[in-house]
Structure formats: structure tokens, C-alpha cells
PDB file of all heavy atoms in Angstrom:
ATOM      1  N   GLY A   1      41.852  38.941 121.779  1.00  0.00           N
ATOM      2  CA  GLY A   1      42.507  37.637 121.783  1.00  0.00           C
ATOM      3  C   GLY A   1      41.527  36.486 121.621  1.00  0.00           C
ATOM      4  O   GLY A   1      41.730  35.403 122.176  1.00  0.00           O
ATOM      5  N   LEU A   2      40.458  36.728 120.847  1.00  0.00           N
ATOM      6  CA  LEU A   2      39.424  35.718 120.642  1.00  0.00           C
ATOM      7  C   LEU A   2      39.172  35.521 119.149  1.00  0.00           C
ATOM      8  O   LEU A   2      39.515  36.374 118.345  1.00  0.00           O
ATOM      9  CB  LEU A   2      38.111  36.154 121.316  1.00  0.00           C
ATOM     10  CG  LEU A   2      38.151  36.287 122.839  1.00  0.00           C
ATOM     11  CD1 LEU A   2      36.892  36.990 123.332  1.00  0.00           C
ATOM     12  CD2 LEU A   2      38.304  34.925 123.500  1.00  0.00           C
ATOM     13  N   THR A   3      38.564  34.403 118.809  1.00  0.00           N
ATOM     14  CA  THR A   3      38.217  34.147 117.415  1.00  0.00           C
ATOM     15  C   THR A   3      36.848  34.741 117.099  1.00  0.00           C
ATOM     16  O   THR A   3      36.072  35.071 117.998  1.00  0.00           O
ATOM     17  CB  THR A   3      38.172  32.639 117.118  1.00  0.00           C
ATOM     18  OG1 THR A   3      37.108  32.056 117.881  1.00  0.00           O
ATOM     19  CG2 THR A   3      39.490  31.971 117.489  1.00  0.00           C
ATOM     20  N   GLU A   4      36.557  34.869 115.806  1.00  0.00           N
ATOM     21  CA  GLU A   4      35.275  35.439 115.394  1.00  0.00           C
ATOM     22  C   GLU A   4      34.101  34.579 115.868  1.00  0.00           C
ATOM     23  O   GLU A   4      33.004  35.093 116.092  1.00  0.00           O
ATOM     24  CB  GLU A   4      35.240  35.617 113.880  1.00  0.00           C
ATOM     25  CG  GLU A   4      36.176  36.708 113.396  1.00  0.00           C
ATOM     26  CD  GLU A   4      36.040  36.986 111.910  1.00  0.00           C
ATOM     27  OE1 GLU A   4      34.954  36.702 111.344  1.00  0.00           O
ATOM     28  OE2 GLU A   4      37.007  37.497 111.324  1.00  0.00           O
ATOM     29  N   ARG A   5      34.327  33.302 116.035  1.00  0.00           N
ATOM     30  CA  ARG A   5      33.262  32.420 116.540  1.00  0.00           C
ATOM     31  C   ARG A   5      32.732  32.942 117.872  1.00  0.00           C
ATOM     32  O   ARG A   5      31.522  32.958 118.121  1.00  0.00           O
ATOM     33  CB  ARG A   5      33.835  31.006 116.711  1.00  0.00           C
ATOM     34  CG  ARG A   5      32.954  30.094 117.528  1.00  0.00           C
ATOM     35  CD  ARG A   5      33.694  28.834 117.920  1.00  0.00           C
ATOM     36  NE  ARG A   5      32.962  28.109 118.944  1.00  0.00           N
ATOM     37  CZ  ARG A   5      33.488  27.188 119.721  1.00  0.00           C
ATOM     38  NH1 ARG A   5      34.757  26.859 119.599  1.00  0.00           N
ATOM     39  NH2 ARG A   5      32.763  26.572 120.612  1.00  0.00           N
ATOM     40  N   TYR A   6      33.640  33.399 118.741  1.00  0.00           N
ATOM     41  CA  TYR A   6      33.221  33.891 120.047  1.00  0.00           C
ATOM     42  C   TYR A   6      32.594  35.279 119.955  1.00  0.00           C
ATOM     43  O   TYR A   6      31.750  35.633 120.775  1.00  0.00           O
ATOM     44  CB  TYR A   6      34.402  33.882 121.021  1.00  0.00           C
ATOM     45  CG  TYR A   6      34.849  32.486 121.357  1.00  0.00           C
ATOM     46  CD1 TYR A   6      36.150  32.067 121.112  1.00  0.00           C
ATOM     47  CD2 TYR A   6      33.953  31.568 121.901  1.00  0.00           C
ATOM     48  CE1 TYR A   6      36.560  30.785 121.410  1.00  0.00           C
ATOM     49  CE2 TYR A   6      34.353  30.272 122.203  1.00  0.00           C
ATOM     50  CZ  TYR A   6      35.648  29.887 121.956  1.00  0.00           C
ATOM     51  OH  TYR A   6      36.037  28.604 122.253  1.00  0.00           O
ATOM     52  N   PHE A   7      32.997  36.044 118.960  1.00  0.00           N
ATOM     53  CA  PHE A   7      32.342  37.335 118.752  1.00  0.00           C
ATOM     54  C   PHE A   7      30.866  37.105 118.452  1.00  0.00           C
ATOM     55  O   PHE A   7      29.987  37.730 119.058  1.00  0.00           O
ATOM     56  CB  PHE A   7      33.007  38.087 117.590  1.00  0.00           C
ATOM     57  CG  PHE A   7      32.355  39.409 117.275  1.00  0.00           C
ATOM     58  CD1 PHE A   7      32.793  40.578 117.866  1.00  0.00           C
ATOM     59  CD2 PHE A   7      31.283  39.467 116.386  1.00  0.00           C
ATOM     60  CE1 PHE A   7      32.170  41.794 117.590  1.00  0.00           C
ATOM     61  CE2 PHE A   7      30.660  40.681 116.096  1.00  0.00           C
ATOM     62  CZ  PHE A   7      31.111  41.843 116.708  1.00  0.00           C
ATOM     63  N   TYR A   8      30.582  36.199 117.506  1.00  0.00           N
ATOM     64  CA  TYR A   8      29.197  35.953 117.092  1.00  0.00           C
ATOM     65  C   TYR A   8      28.412  35.154 118.128  1.00  0.00           C
ATOM     66  O   TYR A   8      27.192  35.036 118.027  1.00  0.00           O
ATOM     67  CB  TYR A   8      29.176  35.289 115.719  1.00  0.00           C
ATOM     68  CG  TYR A   8      29.628  36.239 114.640  1.00  0.00           C
ATOM     69  CD1 TYR A   8      30.863  36.077 114.009  1.00  0.00           C
ATOM     70  CD2 TYR A   8      28.840  37.329 114.279  1.00  0.00           C
ATOM     71  CE1 TYR A   8      31.292  36.975 113.038  1.00  0.00           C
ATOM     72  CE2 TYR A   8      29.253  38.229 113.301  1.00  0.00           C
ATOM     73  CZ  TYR A   8      30.480  38.047 112.689  1.00  0.00           C
ATOM     74  OH  TYR A   8      30.898  38.943 111.735  1.00  0.00           O
ATOM     75  N   GLU A   9      29.081  34.645 119.134  1.00  0.00           N
ATOM     76  CA  GLU A   9      28.404  34.017 120.262  1.00  0.00           C
ATOM     77  C   GLU A   9      27.627  35.080 121.056  1.00  0.00           C
ATOM     78  O   GLU A   9      26.577  34.786 121.637  1.00  0.00           O
ATOM     79  CB  GLU A   9      29.456  33.353 121.160  1.00  0.00           C
ATOM     80  CG  GLU A   9      28.969  32.853 122.494  1.00  0.00           C
ATOM     81  CD  GLU A   9      30.125  32.367 123.351  1.00  0.00           C
ATOM     82  OE1 GLU A   9      30.922  33.221 123.830  1.00  0.00           O
ATOM     83  OE2 GLU A   9      30.242  31.141 123.537  1.00  0.00           O
ATOM     84  N   SER A  10      28.155  36.304 121.066  1.00  0.00           N
ATOM     85  CA  SER A  10      27.552  37.375 121.861  1.00  0.00           C
ATOM     86  C   SER A  10      26.827  38.444 121.051  1.00  0.00           C
ATOM     87  O   SER A  10      25.912  39.090 121.564  1.00  0.00           O
ATOM     88  CB  SER A  10      28.629  38.074 122.698  1.00  0.00           C
ATOM     89  OG  SER A  10      29.177  37.218 123.672  1.00  0.00           O
ATOM     90  N   PHE A  11      27.240  38.645 119.797  1.00  0.00           N
ATOM     91  CA  PHE A  11      26.712  39.770 119.019  1.00  0.00           C
ATOM     92  C   PHE A  11      26.327  39.316 117.609  1.00  0.00           C
ATOM     93  O   PHE A  11      27.036  38.517 117.006  1.00  0.00           O
ATOM     94  CB  PHE A  11      27.759  40.890 118.934  1.00  0.00           C
ATOM     95  CG  PHE A  11      28.283  41.308 120.284  1.00  0.00           C
ATOM     96  CD1 PHE A  11      29.515  40.853 120.726  1.00  0.00           C
ATOM     97  CD2 PHE A  11      27.529  42.134 121.114  1.00  0.00           C
ATOM     98  CE1 PHE A  11      29.993  41.207 121.980  1.00  0.00           C
ATOM     99  CE2 PHE A  11      28.004  42.500 122.365  1.00  0.00           C
ATOM    100  CZ  PHE A  11      29.240  42.041 122.796  1.00  0.00           C
ATOM    101  N   ASP A  12      25.242  39.868 117.098  1.00  0.00           N
ATOM    102  CA  ASP A  12      24.768  39.494 115.763  1.00  0.00           C
ATOM    103  C   ASP A  12      25.688  40.001 114.662  1.00  0.00           C
ATOM    104  O   ASP A  12      25.930  39.312 113.673  1.00  0.00           O
ATOM    105  CB  ASP A  12      23.357  40.030 115.520  1.00  0.00           C
ATOM    106  CG  ASP A  12      22.321  39.323 116.368  1.00  0.00           C
ATOM    107  OD1 ASP A  12      22.577  38.170 116.789  1.00  0.00           O
ATOM    108  OD2 ASP A  12      21.258  39.922 116.615  1.00  0.00           O
ATOM    109  N   ASP A  13      26.175  41.228 114.821  1.00  0.00           N
ATOM    110  CA  ASP A  13      27.045  41.814 113.805  1.00  0.00           C
ATOM    111  C   ASP A  13      27.815  42.991 114.402  1.00  0.00           C
ATOM    112  O   ASP A  13      27.680  43.276 115.600  1.00  0.00           O
ATOM    113  CB  ASP A  13      26.245  42.265 112.575  1.00  0.00           C
ATOM    114  CG  ASP A  13      25.112  43.236 112.919  1.00  0.00           C
ATOM    115  OD1 ASP A  13      25.219  43.972 113.920  1.00  0.00           O
ATOM    116  OD2 ASP A  13      24.107  43.262 112.184  1.00  0.00           O
ATOM    117  N   ARG A  14      28.596  43.648 113.590  1.00  0.00           N
ATOM    118  CA  ARG A  14      29.427  44.751 114.053  1.00  0.00           C
ATOM    119  C   ARG A  14      28.604  45.879 114.659  1.00  0.00           C
ATOM    120  O   ARG A  14      28.926  46.415 115.728  1.00  0.00           O
ATOM    121  CB  ARG A  14      30.260  45.301 112.878  1.00  0.00           C
ATOM    122  CG  ARG A  14      31.094  46.507 113.239  1.00  0.00           C
ATOM    123  CD  ARG A  14      31.366  47.373 111.997  1.00  0.00           C
ATOM    124  NE  ARG A  14      32.106  48.565 112.346  1.00  0.00           N
ATOM    125  CZ  ARG A  14      31.536  49.711 112.704  1.00  0.00           C
ATOM    126  NH1 ARG A  14      30.220  49.824 112.774  1.00  0.00           N
ATOM    127  NH2 ARG A  14      32.286  50.756 113.005  1.00  0.00           N
ATOM    128  N   ASP A  15      27.517  46.268 113.994  1.00  0.00           N
ATOM    129  CA  ASP A  15      26.715  47.383 114.485  1.00  0.00           C
ATOM    130  C   ASP A  15      26.065  47.067 115.823  1.00  0.00           C
ATOM    131  O   ASP A  15      25.983  47.924 116.703  1.00  0.00           O
ATOM    132  CB  ASP A  15      25.650  47.769 113.451  1.00  0.00           C
ATOM    133  CG  ASP A  15      26.246  48.513 112.265  1.00  0.00           C
ATOM    134  OD1 ASP A  15      27.474  48.775 112.264  1.00  0.00           O
ATOM    135  OD2 ASP A  15      25.488  48.835 111.324  1.00  0.00           O
ATOM    136  N   ALA A  16      25.601  45.838 115.994  1.00  0.00           N
ATOM    137  CA  ALA A  16      25.020  45.436 117.273  1.00  0.00           C
ATOM    138  C   ALA A  16      26.080  45.513 118.369  1.00  0.00           C
ATOM    139  O   ALA A  16      25.795  45.913 119.503  1.00  0.00           O
ATOM    140  CB  ALA A  16      24.452  44.020 117.175  1.00  0.00           C
ATOM    141  N   PHE A  17      27.305  45.137 118.028  1.00  0.00           N
ATOM    142  CA  PHE A  17      28.411  45.212 118.974  1.00  0.00           C
ATOM    143  C   PHE A  17      28.688  46.657 119.376  1.00  0.00           C
ATOM    144  O   PHE A  17      28.825  46.980 120.563  1.00  0.00           O
ATOM    145  CB  PHE A  17      29.664  44.581 118.361  1.00  0.00           C
ATOM    146  CG  PHE A  17      30.911  44.788 119.175  1.00  0.00           C
ATOM    147  CD1 PHE A  17      31.099  44.105 120.356  1.00  0.00           C
ATOM    148  CD2 PHE A  17      31.880  45.684 118.747  1.00  0.00           C
ATOM    149  CE1 PHE A  17      32.256  44.301 121.109  1.00  0.00           C
ATOM    150  CE2 PHE A  17      33.033  45.888 119.487  1.00  0.00           C
ATOM    151  CZ  PHE A  17      33.220  45.195 120.670  1.00  0.00           C
ATOM    152  N   VAL A  18      28.758  47.544 118.394  1.00  0.00           N
ATOM    153  CA  VAL A  18      29.023  48.959 118.673  1.00  0.00           C
ATOM    154  C   VAL A  18      27.938  49.529 119.583  1.00  0.00           C
ATOM    155  O   VAL A  18      28.228  50.263 120.538  1.00  0.00           O
ATOM    156  CB  VAL A  18      29.133  49.766 117.361  1.00  0.00           C
ATOM    157  CG1 VAL A  18      29.134  51.266 117.637  1.00  0.00           C
ATOM    158  CG2 VAL A  18      30.401  49.367 116.601  1.00  0.00           C
ATOM    159  N   ARG A  19      26.698  49.191 119.316  1.00  0.00           N
ATOM    160  CA  ARG A  19      25.609  49.682 120.165  1.00  0.00           C
ATOM    161  C   ARG A  19      25.716  49.123 121.580  1.00  0.00           C
ATOM    162  O   ARG A  19      25.432  49.826 122.558  1.00  0.00           O
ATOM    163  CB  ARG A  19      24.252  49.326 119.541  1.00  0.00           C
ATOM    164  CG  ARG A  19      23.928  50.165 118.306  1.00  0.00           C
ATOM    165  CD  ARG A  19      22.492  49.957 117.848  1.00  0.00           C
ATOM    166  NE  ARG A  19      22.276  48.637 117.297  1.00  0.00           N
ATOM    167  CZ  ARG A  19      22.436  48.327 116.014  1.00  0.00           C
ATOM    168  NH1 ARG A  19      22.822  49.254 115.143  1.00  0.00           N
ATOM    169  NH2 ARG A  19      22.216  47.101 115.575  1.00  0.00           N
ATOM    170  N   ALA A  20      26.141  47.871 121.704  1.00  0.00           N
ATOM    171  CA  ALA A  20      26.306  47.267 123.030  1.00  0.00           C
ATOM    172  C   ALA A  20      27.434  47.947 123.807  1.00  0.00           C
ATOM    173  O   ALA A  20      27.311  48.171 125.020  1.00  0.00           O
ATOM    174  CB  ALA A  20      26.590  45.772 122.900  1.00  0.00           C
ATOM    175  N   VAL A  21      28.526  48.271 123.133  1.00  0.00           N
ATOM    176  CA  VAL A  21      29.635  48.978 123.790  1.00  0.00           C
ATOM    177  C   VAL A  21      29.159  50.342 124.279  1.00  0.00           C
ATOM    178  O   VAL A  21      29.432  50.743 125.413  1.00  0.00           O
ATOM    179  CB  VAL A  21      30.838  49.129 122.830  1.00  0.00           C
ATOM    180  CG1 VAL A  21      31.901  50.052 123.436  1.00  0.00           C
ATOM    181  CG2 VAL A  21      31.437  47.768 122.511  1.00  0.00           C
ATOM    182  N   TYR A  22      28.424  51.041 123.438  1.00  0.00           N
ATOM    183  CA  TYR A  22      27.938  52.370 123.804  1.00  0.00           C
ATOM    184  C   TYR A  22      26.985  52.290 125.003  1.00  0.00           C
ATOM    185  O   TYR A  22      27.063  53.085 125.941  1.00  0.00           O
ATOM    186  CB  TYR A  22      27.258  53.033 122.615  1.00  0.00           C
ATOM    187  CG  TYR A  22      26.858  54.458 122.908  1.00  0.00           C
ATOM    188  CD1 TYR A  22      27.800  55.482 122.881  1.00  0.00           C
ATOM    189  CD2 TYR A  22      25.543  54.771 123.238  1.00  0.00           C
ATOM    190  CE1 TYR A  22      27.438  56.785 123.171  1.00  0.00           C
ATOM    191  CE2 TYR A  22      25.176  56.079 123.528  1.00  0.00           C
ATOM    192  CZ  TYR A  22      26.128  57.075 123.496  1.00  0.00           C
ATOM    193  OH  TYR A  22      25.780  58.368 123.800  1.00  0.00           O
ATOM    194  N   ALA A  23      26.068  51.326 124.974  1.00  0.00           N
ATOM    195  CA  ALA A  23      25.123  51.156 126.083  1.00  0.00           C
ATOM    196  C   ALA A  23      25.859  50.806 127.372  1.00  0.00           C
ATOM    197  O   ALA A  23      25.507  51.285 128.461  1.00  0.00           O
ATOM    198  CB  ALA A  23      24.107  50.066 125.738  1.00  0.00           C
ATOM    199  N   HIS A  24      26.909  49.978 127.255  1.00  0.00           N
ATOM    200  CA  HIS A  24      27.709  49.584 128.419  1.00  0.00           C
ATOM    201  C   HIS A  24      28.374  50.800 129.050  1.00  0.00           C
ATOM    202  O   HIS A  24      28.340  50.978 130.277  1.00  0.00           O
ATOM    203  CB  HIS A  24      28.753  48.553 127.965  1.00  0.00           C
ATOM    204  CG  HIS A  24      29.706  48.134 129.026  1.00  0.00           C
ATOM    205  ND1 HIS A  24      29.329  47.372 130.108  1.00  0.00           N
ATOM    206  CD2 HIS A  24      31.038  48.374 129.182  1.00  0.00           C
ATOM    207  CE1 HIS A  24      30.376  47.144 130.880  1.00  0.00           C
ATOM    208  NE2 HIS A  24      31.426  47.754 130.340  1.00  0.00           N
ATOM    209  N   VAL A  25      28.953  51.664 128.237  1.00  0.00           N
ATOM    210  CA  VAL A  25      29.618  52.867 128.742  1.00  0.00           C
ATOM    211  C   VAL A  25      28.585  53.842 129.327  1.00  0.00           C
ATOM    212  O   VAL A  25      28.826  54.457 130.369  1.00  0.00           O
ATOM    213  CB  VAL A  25      30.443  53.537 127.620  1.00  0.00           C
ATOM    214  CG1 VAL A  25      30.919  54.917 128.032  1.00  0.00           C
ATOM    215  CG2 VAL A  25      31.638  52.663 127.274  1.00  0.00           C
ATOM    216  N   GLY A  26      27.438  53.965 128.676  1.00  0.00           N
ATOM    217  CA  GLY A  26      26.383  54.823 129.204  1.00  0.00           C
ATOM    218  C   GLY A  26      25.923  54.376 130.577  1.00  0.00           C
ATOM    219  O   GLY A  26      25.689  55.204 131.469  1.00  0.00           O
ATOM    220  N   GLU A  27      25.817  53.069 130.769  1.00  0.00           N
ATOM    221  CA  GLU A  27      25.416  52.546 132.079  1.00  0.00           C
ATOM    222  C   GLU A  27      26.512  52.779 133.115  1.00  0.00           C
ATOM    223  O   GLU A  27      26.221  53.076 134.279  1.00  0.00           O
ATOM    224  CB  GLU A  27      25.080  51.064 131.964  1.00  0.00           C
ATOM    225  CG  GLU A  27      24.640  50.408 133.270  1.00  0.00           C
ATOM    226  CD  GLU A  27      23.405  51.037 133.908  1.00  0.00           C
ATOM    227  OE1 GLU A  27      22.658  51.759 133.236  1.00  0.00           O
ATOM    228  OE2 GLU A  27      23.188  50.789 135.118  1.00  0.00           O
ATOM    229  N   GLN A  28      27.782  52.655 132.717  1.00  0.00           N
ATOM    230  CA  GLN A  28      28.876  52.970 133.640  1.00  0.00           C
ATOM    231  C   GLN A  28      28.768  54.403 134.125  1.00  0.00           C
ATOM    232  O   GLN A  28      28.951  54.690 135.319  1.00  0.00           O
ATOM    233  CB  GLN A  28      30.236  52.791 132.945  1.00  0.00           C
ATOM    234  CG  GLN A  28      30.702  51.362 132.822  1.00  0.00           C
ATOM    235  CD  GLN A  28      32.090  51.313 132.189  1.00  0.00           C
ATOM    236  OE1 GLN A  28      32.330  51.936 131.153  1.00  0.00           O
ATOM    237  NE2 GLN A  28      32.988  50.588 132.808  1.00  0.00           N
ATOM    238  N   ALA A  29      28.495  55.320 133.219  1.00  0.00           N
ATOM    239  CA  ALA A  29      28.379  56.736 133.574  1.00  0.00           C
ATOM    240  C   ALA A  29      27.211  56.960 134.522  1.00  0.00           C
ATOM    241  O   ALA A  29      27.326  57.669 135.525  1.00  0.00           O
ATOM    242  CB  ALA A  29      28.222  57.579 132.313  1.00  0.00           C
ATOM    243  N   ARG A  30      26.086  56.352 134.203  1.00  0.00           N
ATOM    244  CA  ARG A  30      24.906  56.518 135.049  1.00  0.00           C
ATOM    245  C   ARG A  30      25.151  55.995 136.452  1.00  0.00           C
ATOM    246  O   ARG A  30      24.853  56.658 137.446  1.00  0.00           O
ATOM    247  CB  ARG A  30      23.696  55.803 134.425  1.00  0.00           C
ATOM    248  CG  ARG A  30      22.363  56.174 135.051  1.00  0.00           C
ATOM    249  CD  ARG A  30      21.247  55.256 134.583  1.00  0.00           C
ATOM    250  NE  ARG A  30      21.352  53.940 135.210  1.00  0.00           N
ATOM    251  CZ  ARG A  30      20.952  53.681 136.460  1.00  0.00           C
ATOM    252  NH1 ARG A  30      20.416  54.621 137.196  1.00  0.00           N
ATOM    253  NH2 ARG A  30      21.087  52.469 136.961  1.00  0.00           N
ATOM    254  N   GLN A  31      25.752  54.810 136.533  1.00  0.00           N
ATOM    255  CA  GLN A  31      26.035  54.210 137.843  1.00  0.00           C
ATOM    256  C   GLN A  31      27.031  55.044 138.641  1.00  0.00           C
ATOM    257  O   GLN A  31      26.901  55.186 139.866  1.00  0.00           O
ATOM    258  CB  GLN A  31      26.572  52.776 137.661  1.00  0.00           C
ATOM    259  CG  GLN A  31      25.540  51.778 137.209  1.00  0.00           C
ATOM    260  CD  GLN A  31      24.514  51.480 138.283  1.00  0.00           C
ATOM    261  OE1 GLN A  31      24.699  51.764 139.453  1.00  0.00           O
ATOM    262  NE2 GLN A  31      23.388  50.905 137.867  1.00  0.00           N
ATOM    263  N   ALA A  32      28.038  55.604 137.978  1.00  0.00           N
ATOM    264  CA  ALA A  32      29.030  56.435 138.674  1.00  0.00           C
ATOM    265  C   ALA A  32      28.367  57.658 139.292  1.00  0.00           C
ATOM    266  O   ALA A  32      28.656  58.034 140.432  1.00  0.00           O
ATOM    267  CB  ALA A  32      30.132  56.867 137.701  1.00  0.00           C
ATOM    268  N   ILE A  33      27.451  58.281 138.540  1.00  0.00           N
ATOM    269  CA  ILE A  33      26.763  59.472 139.045  1.00  0.00           C
ATOM    270  C   ILE A  33      25.829  59.103 140.193  1.00  0.00           C
ATOM    271  O   ILE A  33      25.805  59.762 141.232  1.00  0.00           O
ATOM    272  CB  ILE A  33      25.986  60.158 137.908  1.00  0.00           C
ATOM    273  CG1 ILE A  33      26.963  60.703 136.866  1.00  0.00           C
ATOM    274  CG2 ILE A  33      25.116  61.282 138.448  1.00  0.00           C
ATOM    275  CD1 ILE A  33      26.304  61.155 135.575  1.00  0.00           C
ATOM    276  N   VAL A  34      25.045  58.044 140.033  1.00  0.00           N
ATOM    277  CA  VAL A  34      24.122  57.613 141.079  1.00  0.00           C
ATOM    278  C   VAL A  34      24.881  57.280 142.361  1.00  0.00           C
ATOM    279  O   VAL A  34      24.513  57.715 143.460  1.00  0.00           O
ATOM    280  CB  VAL A  34      23.287  56.401 140.611  1.00  0.00           C
ATOM    281  CG1 VAL A  34      22.530  55.780 141.775  1.00  0.00           C
ATOM    282  CG2 VAL A  34      22.319  56.822 139.513  1.00  0.00           C
ATOM    283  N   HIS A  35      25.973  56.520 142.240  1.00  0.00           N
ATOM    284  CA  HIS A  35      26.754  56.145 143.418  1.00  0.00           C
ATOM    285  C   HIS A  35      27.315  57.369 144.121  1.00  0.00           C
ATOM    286  O   HIS A  35      27.303  57.462 145.350  1.00  0.00           O
ATOM    287  CB  HIS A  35      27.889  55.197 143.017  1.00  0.00           C
ATOM    288  CG  HIS A  35      28.787  54.844 144.166  1.00  0.00           C
ATOM    289  ND1 HIS A  35      28.393  53.989 145.173  1.00  0.00           N
ATOM    290  CD2 HIS A  35      30.046  55.260 144.479  1.00  0.00           C
ATOM    291  CE1 HIS A  35      29.370  53.878 146.057  1.00  0.00           C
ATOM    292  NE2 HIS A  35      30.374  54.642 145.660  1.00  0.00           N
TER     293      HIS A  35
END
């Protein structure tokens, strides 16, 4: 529900976004196991 302007506020391009999503999920998994 956001415009592309806000997408590029956080991410350089689509691939950078995909990598950020993957890293975010990887950290969720790591934190769940550690906890």
C-alpha cells in the first residue's frame, strides 16, 4: 500500500530488496533458535 518513492527510500533496486527480505527471515530463524 505504498508508492514506489517509498520503496526507493529504503532499497536501491529489486535485487537489493530481495536480499534484504532473505536476510530478515534468516535473522528471524536465528533469533527463534537462540531464544
